[in-house]
Amino acid sequence: MIKTFENCSPEYQITIVCFFIFLTLLCMILVIYEGTGKRQRKMLLLDSVLLIVIFLITAVLCV
């Protein structure tokens, strides 16, 4: 049976939220680092969309 996020233990919730925050920060650093080089606009846009999606997932889990 699958548990919902709100029914999980607080330790599990904190672990998942910290993981997504770390993933968001890592993705943001990579987008900034890769944006300083000469990259194709399409790839930079894809990375930015991925960053926004990860941030939104983290925000929803924190609420």
PDB file of N, CA and C in Angstrom:
ATOM      1  N   MET A   1       0.828  -1.169   0.000  1.00  0.00           N
ATOM      2  CA  MET A   1       0.000   0.000   0.000  1.00  0.00           C
ATOM      3  C   MET A   1       0.882   1.246   0.000  1.00  0.00           C
ATOM      4  N   ILE A   2       0.533   2.220  -0.794  1.00  0.00           N
ATOM      5  CA  ILE A   2       1.324   3.434  -0.925  1.00  0.00           C
ATOM      6  C   ILE A   2       0.835   4.472   0.088  1.00  0.00           C
ATOM      7  N   LYS A   3       1.787   5.035   0.834  1.00  0.00           N
ATOM      8  CA  LYS A   3       1.451   6.082   1.789  1.00  0.00           C
ATOM      9  C   LYS A   3       1.492   7.438   1.089  1.00  0.00           C
ATOM     10  N   THR A   4       0.651   8.346   1.530  1.00  0.00           N
ATOM     11  CA  THR A   4       0.752   9.708   1.036  1.00  0.00           C
ATOM     12  C   THR A   4       1.835  10.416   1.830  1.00  0.00           C
ATOM     13  N   PHE A   5       2.304  11.515   1.301  1.00  0.00           N
ATOM     14  CA  PHE A   5       3.404  12.229   1.930  1.00  0.00           C
ATOM     15  C   PHE A   5       3.029  12.721   3.326  1.00  0.00           C
ATOM     16  N   GLU A   6       1.800  13.185   3.494  1.00  0.00           N
ATOM     17  CA  GLU A   6       1.387  13.732   4.796  1.00  0.00           C
ATOM     18  C   GLU A   6       1.219  12.652   5.859  1.00  0.00           C
ATOM     19  N   ASN A   7       1.061  11.401   5.455  1.00  0.00           N
ATOM     20  CA  ASN A   7       0.901  10.307   6.418  1.00  0.00           C
ATOM     21  C   ASN A   7       2.225   9.649   6.787  1.00  0.00           C
ATOM     22  N   CYS A   8       3.314  10.085   6.190  1.00  0.00           N
ATOM     23  CA  CYS A   8       4.621   9.515   6.485  1.00  0.00           C
ATOM     24  C   CYS A   8       5.164  10.107   7.787  1.00  0.00           C
ATOM     25  N   SER A   9       6.164   9.467   8.317  1.00  0.00           N
ATOM     26  CA  SER A   9       6.776   9.963   9.547  1.00  0.00           C
ATOM     27  C   SER A   9       7.505  11.281   9.275  1.00  0.00           C
ATOM     28  N   PRO A  10       7.651  12.121  10.301  1.00  0.00           N
ATOM     29  CA  PRO A  10       8.330  13.408  10.115  1.00  0.00           C
ATOM     30  C   PRO A  10       9.773  13.265   9.624  1.00  0.00           C
ATOM     31  N   GLU A  11      10.448  12.219  10.057  1.00  0.00           N
ATOM     32  CA  GLU A  11      11.831  12.005   9.617  1.00  0.00           C
ATOM     33  C   GLU A  11      11.888  11.761   8.110  1.00  0.00           C
ATOM     34  N   TYR A  12      10.944  10.990   7.624  1.00  0.00           N
ATOM     35  CA  TYR A  12      10.875  10.699   6.190  1.00  0.00           C
ATOM     36  C   TYR A  12      10.544  11.974   5.405  1.00  0.00           C
ATOM     37  N   GLN A  13       9.617  12.772   5.918  1.00  0.00           N
ATOM     38  CA  GLN A  13       9.246  14.018   5.260  1.00  0.00           C
ATOM     39  C   GLN A  13      10.436  14.972   5.187  1.00  0.00           C
ATOM     40  N   ILE A  14      11.166  15.107   6.284  1.00  0.00           N
ATOM     41  CA  ILE A  14      12.332  16.003   6.309  1.00  0.00           C
ATOM     42  C   ILE A  14      13.391  15.516   5.333  1.00  0.00           C
ATOM     43  N   THR A  15      13.590  14.209   5.277  1.00  0.00           N
ATOM     44  CA  THR A  15      14.584  13.651   4.363  1.00  0.00           C
ATOM     45  C   THR A  15      14.225  13.944   2.909  1.00  0.00           C
ATOM     46  N   ILE A  16      12.973  13.745   2.553  1.00  0.00           N
ATOM     47  CA  ILE A  16      12.531  13.991   1.169  1.00  0.00           C
ATOM     48  C   ILE A  16      12.639  15.466   0.826  1.00  0.00           C
ATOM     49  N   VAL A  17      12.200  16.342   1.722  1.00  0.00           N
ATOM     50  CA  VAL A  17      12.264  17.779   1.462  1.00  0.00           C
ATOM     51  C   VAL A  17      13.714  18.238   1.338  1.00  0.00           C
ATOM     52  N   CYS A  18      14.589  17.763   2.215  1.00  0.00           N
ATOM     53  CA  CYS A  18      16.015  18.126   2.121  1.00  0.00           C
ATOM     54  C   CYS A  18      16.625  17.630   0.814  1.00  0.00           C
ATOM     55  N   PHE A  19      16.232  16.437   0.381  1.00  0.00           N
ATOM     56  CA  PHE A  19      16.730  15.914  -0.887  1.00  0.00           C
ATOM     57  C   PHE A  19      16.325  16.812  -2.049  1.00  0.00           C
ATOM     58  N   PHE A  20      15.058  17.233  -2.081  1.00  0.00           N
ATOM     59  CA  PHE A  20      14.609  18.082  -3.172  1.00  0.00           C
ATOM     60  C   PHE A  20      15.214  19.482  -3.101  1.00  0.00           C
ATOM     61  N   ILE A  21      15.449  20.005  -1.900  1.00  0.00           N
ATOM     62  CA  ILE A  21      16.127  21.297  -1.773  1.00  0.00           C
ATOM     63  C   ILE A  21      17.554  21.185  -2.288  1.00  0.00           C
ATOM     64  N   PHE A  22      18.250  20.110  -1.917  1.00  0.00           N
ATOM     65  CA  PHE A  22      19.602  19.887  -2.411  1.00  0.00           C
ATOM     66  C   PHE A  22      19.601  19.738  -3.933  1.00  0.00           C
ATOM     67  N   LEU A  23      18.641  19.000  -4.467  1.00  0.00           N
ATOM     68  CA  LEU A  23      18.534  18.815  -5.910  1.00  0.00           C
ATOM     69  C   LEU A  23      18.275  20.142  -6.617  1.00  0.00           C
ATOM     70  N   THR A  24      17.435  20.986  -6.027  1.00  0.00           N
ATOM     71  CA  THR A  24      17.142  22.301  -6.596  1.00  0.00           C
ATOM     72  C   THR A  24      18.403  23.163  -6.622  1.00  0.00           C
ATOM     73  N   LEU A  25      19.122  23.195  -5.510  1.00  0.00           N
ATOM     74  CA  LEU A  25      20.349  23.997  -5.455  1.00  0.00           C
ATOM     75  C   LEU A  25      21.399  23.484  -6.431  1.00  0.00           C
ATOM     76  N   LEU A  26      21.550  22.181  -6.518  1.00  0.00           N
ATOM     77  CA  LEU A  26      22.509  21.601  -7.457  1.00  0.00           C
ATOM     78  C   LEU A  26      22.147  21.935  -8.898  1.00  0.00           C
ATOM     79  N   CYS A  27      20.872  21.817  -9.228  1.00  0.00           N
ATOM     80  CA  CYS A  27      20.421  22.127 -10.583  1.00  0.00           C
ATOM     81  C   CYS A  27      20.624  23.613 -10.884  1.00  0.00           C
ATOM     82  N   MET A  28      20.339  24.470  -9.902  1.00  0.00           N
ATOM     83  CA  MET A  28      20.519  25.904 -10.099  1.00  0.00           C
ATOM     84  C   MET A  28      21.989  26.240 -10.332  1.00  0.00           C
ATOM     85  N   ILE A  29      22.867  25.645  -9.576  1.00  0.00           N
ATOM     86  CA  ILE A  29      24.304  25.877  -9.756  1.00  0.00           C
ATOM     87  C   ILE A  29      24.749  25.408 -11.131  1.00  0.00           C
ATOM     88  N   LEU A  30      24.264  24.256 -11.559  1.00  0.00           N
ATOM     89  CA  LEU A  30      24.637  23.742 -12.876  1.00  0.00           C
ATOM     90  C   LEU A  30      24.108  24.622 -14.003  1.00  0.00           C
ATOM     91  N   VAL A  31      22.884  25.150 -13.845  1.00  0.00           N
ATOM     92  CA  VAL A  31      22.323  26.033 -14.873  1.00  0.00           C
ATOM     93  C   VAL A  31      23.142  27.309 -14.963  1.00  0.00           C
ATOM     94  N   ILE A  32      23.514  27.870 -13.819  1.00  0.00           N
ATOM     95  CA  ILE A  32      24.325  29.094 -13.825  1.00  0.00           C
ATOM     96  C   ILE A  32      25.700  28.817 -14.414  1.00  0.00           C
ATOM     97  N   TYR A  33      26.314  27.711 -14.013  1.00  0.00           N
ATOM     98  CA  TYR A  33      27.641  27.371 -14.507  1.00  0.00           C
ATOM     99  C   TYR A  33      27.631  27.123 -16.014  1.00  0.00           C
ATOM    100  N   GLU A  34      26.650  26.373 -16.487  1.00  0.00           N
ATOM    101  CA  GLU A  34      26.563  26.080 -17.914  1.00  0.00           C
ATOM    102  C   GLU A  34      26.114  27.295 -18.708  1.00  0.00           C
ATOM    103  N   GLY A  35      25.366  28.200 -18.075  1.00  0.00           N
ATOM    104  CA  GLY A  35      24.902  29.401 -18.765  1.00  0.00           C
ATOM    105  C   GLY A  35      26.019  30.370 -19.071  1.00  0.00           C
ATOM    106  N   THR A  36      27.125  30.281 -18.307  1.00  0.00           N
ATOM    107  CA  THR A  36      28.241  31.185 -18.557  1.00  0.00           C
ATOM    108  C   THR A  36      29.034  30.772 -19.783  1.00  0.00           C
ATOM    109  N   GLY A  37      28.960  29.507 -20.151  1.00  0.00           N
ATOM    110  CA  GLY A  37      29.644  29.044 -21.353  1.00  0.00           C
ATOM    111  C   GLY A  37      28.778  29.278 -22.578  1.00  0.00           C
ATOM    112  N   LYS A  38      29.268  28.822 -23.699  1.00  0.00           N
ATOM    113  CA  LYS A  38      28.498  28.971 -24.941  1.00  0.00           C
ATOM    114  C   LYS A  38      27.677  27.701 -25.139  1.00  0.00           C
ATOM    115  N   ARG A  39      26.426  27.786 -24.754  1.00  0.00           N
ATOM    116  CA  ARG A  39      25.509  26.655 -24.900  1.00  0.00           C
ATOM    117  C   ARG A  39      24.383  27.027 -25.816  1.00  0.00           C
ATOM    118  N   GLN A  40      23.756  26.013 -26.341  1.00  0.00           N
ATOM    119  CA  GLN A  40      22.598  26.260 -27.188  1.00  0.00           C
ATOM    120  C   GLN A  40      21.446  26.762 -26.328  1.00  0.00           C
ATOM    121  N   ARG A  41      20.685  27.667 -26.877  1.00  0.00           N
ATOM    122  CA  ARG A  41      19.569  28.263 -26.146  1.00  0.00           C
ATOM    123  C   ARG A  41      18.534  27.209 -25.745  1.00  0.00           C
ATOM    124  N   LYS A  42      18.338  26.204 -26.594  1.00  0.00           N
ATOM    125  CA  LYS A  42      17.351  25.162 -26.318  1.00  0.00           C
ATOM    126  C   LYS A  42      17.739  24.364 -25.072  1.00  0.00           C
ATOM    127  N   MET A  43      18.992  24.017 -24.932  1.00  0.00           N
ATOM    128  CA  MET A  43      19.437  23.247 -23.774  1.00  0.00           C
ATOM    129  C   MET A  43      19.354  24.071 -22.496  1.00  0.00           C
ATOM    130  N   LEU A  44      19.663  25.352 -22.576  1.00  0.00           N
ATOM    131  CA  LEU A  44      19.568  26.221 -21.406  1.00  0.00           C
ATOM    132  C   LEU A  44      18.117  26.360 -20.972  1.00  0.00           C
ATOM    133  N   LEU A  45      17.205  26.447 -21.926  1.00  0.00           N
ATOM    134  CA  LEU A  45      15.784  26.532 -21.616  1.00  0.00           C
ATOM    135  C   LEU A  45      15.303  25.244 -20.957  1.00  0.00           C
ATOM    136  N   LEU A  46      15.750  24.109 -21.439  1.00  0.00           N
ATOM    137  CA  LEU A  46      15.376  22.823 -20.862  1.00  0.00           C
ATOM    138  C   LEU A  46      15.861  22.712 -19.420  1.00  0.00           C
ATOM    139  N   ASP A  47      17.075  23.144 -19.152  1.00  0.00           N
ATOM    140  CA  ASP A  47      17.600  23.124 -17.795  1.00  0.00           C
ATOM    141  C   ASP A  47      16.825  24.064 -16.879  1.00  0.00           C
ATOM    142  N   SER A  48      16.439  25.209 -17.394  1.00  0.00           N
ATOM    143  CA  SER A  48      15.669  26.154 -16.592  1.00  0.00           C
ATOM    144  C   SER A  48      14.290  25.596 -16.251  1.00  0.00           C
ATOM    145  N   VAL A  49      13.663  24.920 -17.188  1.00  0.00           N
ATOM    146  CA  VAL A  49      12.356  24.303 -16.936  1.00  0.00           C
ATOM    147  C   VAL A  49      12.497  23.205 -15.885  1.00  0.00           C
ATOM    148  N   LEU A  50      13.548  22.422 -15.977  1.00  0.00           N
ATOM    149  CA  LEU A  50      13.796  21.372 -14.986  1.00  0.00           C
ATOM    150  C   LEU A  50      13.979  21.981 -13.602  1.00  0.00           C
ATOM    151  N   LEU A  51      14.701  23.078 -13.517  1.00  0.00           N
ATOM    152  CA  LEU A  51      14.901  23.763 -12.241  1.00  0.00           C
ATOM    153  C   LEU A  51      13.571  24.233 -11.653  1.00  0.00           C
ATOM    154  N   ILE A  52      12.719  24.797 -12.485  1.00  0.00           N
ATOM    155  CA  ILE A  52      11.420  25.280 -12.013  1.00  0.00           C
ATOM    156  C   ILE A  52      10.560  24.116 -11.536  1.00  0.00           C
ATOM    157  N   VAL A  53      10.568  23.009 -12.247  1.00  0.00           N
ATOM    158  CA  VAL A  53       9.777  21.840 -11.853  1.00  0.00           C
ATOM    159  C   VAL A  53      10.258  21.298 -10.508  1.00  0.00           C
ATOM    160  N   ILE A  54      11.552  21.176 -10.331  1.00  0.00           N
ATOM    161  CA  ILE A  54      12.093  20.676  -9.062  1.00  0.00           C
ATOM    162  C   ILE A  54      11.750  21.634  -7.928  1.00  0.00           C
ATOM    163  N   PHE A  55      11.843  22.938  -8.186  1.00  0.00           N
ATOM    164  CA  PHE A  55      11.501  23.923  -7.162  1.00  0.00           C
ATOM    165  C   PHE A  55      10.021  23.829  -6.782  1.00  0.00           C
ATOM    166  N   LEU A  56       9.152  23.659  -7.757  1.00  0.00           N
ATOM    167  CA  LEU A  56       7.724  23.546  -7.465  1.00  0.00           C
ATOM    168  C   LEU A  56       7.401  22.285  -6.676  1.00  0.00           C
ATOM    169  N   ILE A  57       8.059  21.183  -6.996  1.00  0.00           N
ATOM    170  CA  ILE A  57       7.862  19.948  -6.230  1.00  0.00           C
ATOM    171  C   ILE A  57       8.280  20.169  -4.783  1.00  0.00           C
ATOM    172  N   THR A  58       9.416  20.819  -4.571  1.00  0.00           N
ATOM    173  CA  THR A  58       9.887  21.109  -3.222  1.00  0.00           C
ATOM    174  C   THR A  58       8.923  22.020  -2.484  1.00  0.00           C
ATOM    175  N   ALA A  59       8.419  23.031  -3.161  1.00  0.00           N
ATOM    176  CA  ALA A  59       7.477  23.960  -2.530  1.00  0.00           C
ATOM    177  C   ALA A  59       6.191  23.247  -2.134  1.00  0.00           C
ATOM    178  N   VAL A  60       5.701  22.370  -2.982  1.00  0.00           N
ATOM    179  CA  VAL A  60       4.468  21.636  -2.670  1.00  0.00           C
ATOM    180  C   VAL A  60       4.696  20.696  -1.481  1.00  0.00           C
ATOM    181  N   LEU A  61       5.848  20.069  -1.400  1.00  0.00           N
ATOM    182  CA  LEU A  61       6.122  19.168  -0.282  1.00  0.00           C
ATOM    183  C   LEU A  61       6.265  19.936   1.036  1.00  0.00           C
ATOM    184  N   CYS A  62       6.733  21.162   0.974  1.00  0.00           N
ATOM    185  CA  CYS A  62       6.921  21.953   2.187  1.00  0.00           C
ATOM    186  C   CYS A  62       5.610  22.500   2.731  1.00  0.00           C
ATOM    187  N   VAL A  63       4.588  22.571   1.906  1.00  0.00           N
ATOM    188  CA  VAL A  63       3.313  23.160   2.365  1.00  0.00           C
ATOM    189  C   VAL A  63       2.536  22.205   3.221  1.00  0.00           C
TER     190      VAL A  63
END
